Structures are given as structure tokens and as C-alpha cells.
Protein backbone atom coordinates (compact mmCIF):
# COMPACT_ATOMS: atom_id res chain seq x y z
CA MET A 1 -5.08 -23.01 -11.13
CA LYS A 2 -6.97 -20.31 -13.00
CA GLN A 3 -5.64 -16.78 -12.69
CA SER A 4 -8.32 -14.16 -12.15
CA ARG A 5 -8.45 -11.04 -14.28
CA ARG A 6 -7.20 -7.81 -12.82
CA LYS A 7 -9.61 -4.91 -12.66
CA HIS A 8 -8.04 -1.52 -13.20
CA GLY A 9 -9.63 1.57 -11.73
CA ALA A 10 -10.32 4.80 -13.54
CA ALA A 11 -7.44 6.61 -11.85
CA PHE A 12 -4.94 3.97 -12.98
CA LYS A 13 -6.28 4.04 -16.53
CA ALA A 14 -6.01 7.83 -16.64
CA LYS A 15 -2.48 7.70 -15.29
CA VAL A 16 -1.41 5.26 -17.99
CA ALA A 17 -3.21 7.14 -20.78
CA LEU A 18 -1.66 10.45 -19.76
CA ALA A 19 1.78 8.84 -19.61
CA THR A 20 1.21 7.67 -23.17
CA LEU A 21 0.26 11.15 -24.32
CA ARG A 22 3.43 12.63 -22.82
CA GLY A 23 5.39 10.61 -25.36
CA ASP A 24 8.59 10.27 -23.34
CA GLN A 25 8.29 6.45 -23.33
CA THR A 26 7.10 3.97 -25.94
CA VAL A 27 3.97 1.90 -25.47
CA SER A 28 6.15 -1.17 -24.95
CA GLU A 29 8.11 0.57 -22.20
CA LEU A 30 4.91 1.70 -20.51
CA ALA A 31 3.43 -1.78 -20.77
CA SER A 32 6.47 -3.19 -18.98
CA ARG A 33 6.46 -0.42 -16.39
CA PHE A 34 2.77 -0.82 -15.52
CA GLU A 35 2.72 -4.60 -16.13
CA ILE A 36 -0.18 -4.52 -18.58
CA HIS A 37 -0.69 -5.50 -22.21
CA PRO A 38 0.07 -2.82 -24.83
CA THR A 39 -3.40 -3.21 -26.32
CA LEU A 40 -4.91 -1.90 -23.08
CA ILE A 41 -2.72 1.18 -23.32
CA HIS A 42 -3.87 1.87 -26.89
CA ASN A 43 -7.52 1.40 -25.87
CA TRP A 44 -7.26 3.71 -22.86
CA LYS A 45 -5.42 6.37 -24.87
CA LYS A 46 -8.19 6.26 -27.49
CA GLN A 47 -10.90 6.54 -24.82
CA LEU A 48 -9.14 9.53 -23.27
CA SER A 49 -8.73 11.26 -26.62
CA GLU A 50 -12.38 10.71 -27.54
CA SER A 51 -13.81 11.85 -24.20
CA ALA A 52 -11.50 14.83 -23.58
CA PRO A 53 -13.73 17.39 -25.36
CA GLU A 54 -16.61 16.44 -23.07
CA LEU A 55 -14.55 17.42 -20.04
CA PHE A 56 -14.42 21.01 -21.22
CA SER A 57 -18.02 21.36 -22.39
CA SER A 58 -20.22 23.75 -20.42
CA GLY A 59 -22.84 21.07 -19.68
CA HIS A 60 -20.30 18.85 -17.96
CA SER A 61 -19.28 21.47 -15.43
CA LYS A 62 -22.91 22.22 -14.54
CA ARG A 63 -23.60 18.52 -13.94
CA THR A 64 -20.48 18.22 -11.81
CA GLN A 65 -21.38 21.24 -9.71
CA SER A 66 -24.94 20.02 -9.13
CA ALA A 67 -23.64 16.56 -8.15
CA LEU A 68 -21.21 18.11 -5.68
CA LYS A 69 -23.96 20.26 -4.14
CA ALA A 70 -26.25 17.24 -3.82
CA GLY A 71 -23.51 15.28 -2.06
CA GLN A 72 -22.88 18.05 0.46
CA GLY A 73 -26.46 18.30 1.66
């Protein structure tokens, strides 16, 4: 019987990537804890590190605010 692939949400990926950045556990320990492959952890950590500057750019906050206003109306 074929096992289907698990799909991890953005919140889970962020949780794992942030746990990696804390540095209190090794990647192997985190992989065991979250029951995922260590390669996924490395990939998600890299994605977080590369996209972090965008979170603090002025254009991002304006887009977020306009999206929130549009959703409220």
C-alpha cells in the first residue's frame, strides 16, 4: 500500500525553522521530535533566513495593512 506524502502548513514550517535558529537542539534531534527528514529542516531554515529581510521592509507592511482593510470591508 502506497503511503501518501504529508503536507506541512506554513505555521508548522515556521515553528520548525525557528526552533532550528534557537540552536538549543541539533537538526537530528529536531527531526526526531517533529518526525520529519533533516533535509526539510535545512530547507525551511534557509527559506526563513532568505525571506526574513522582506518581513521588515516598508513595502511589506503597507501591503499587509491594505489586505487587512480589504478583508474587513
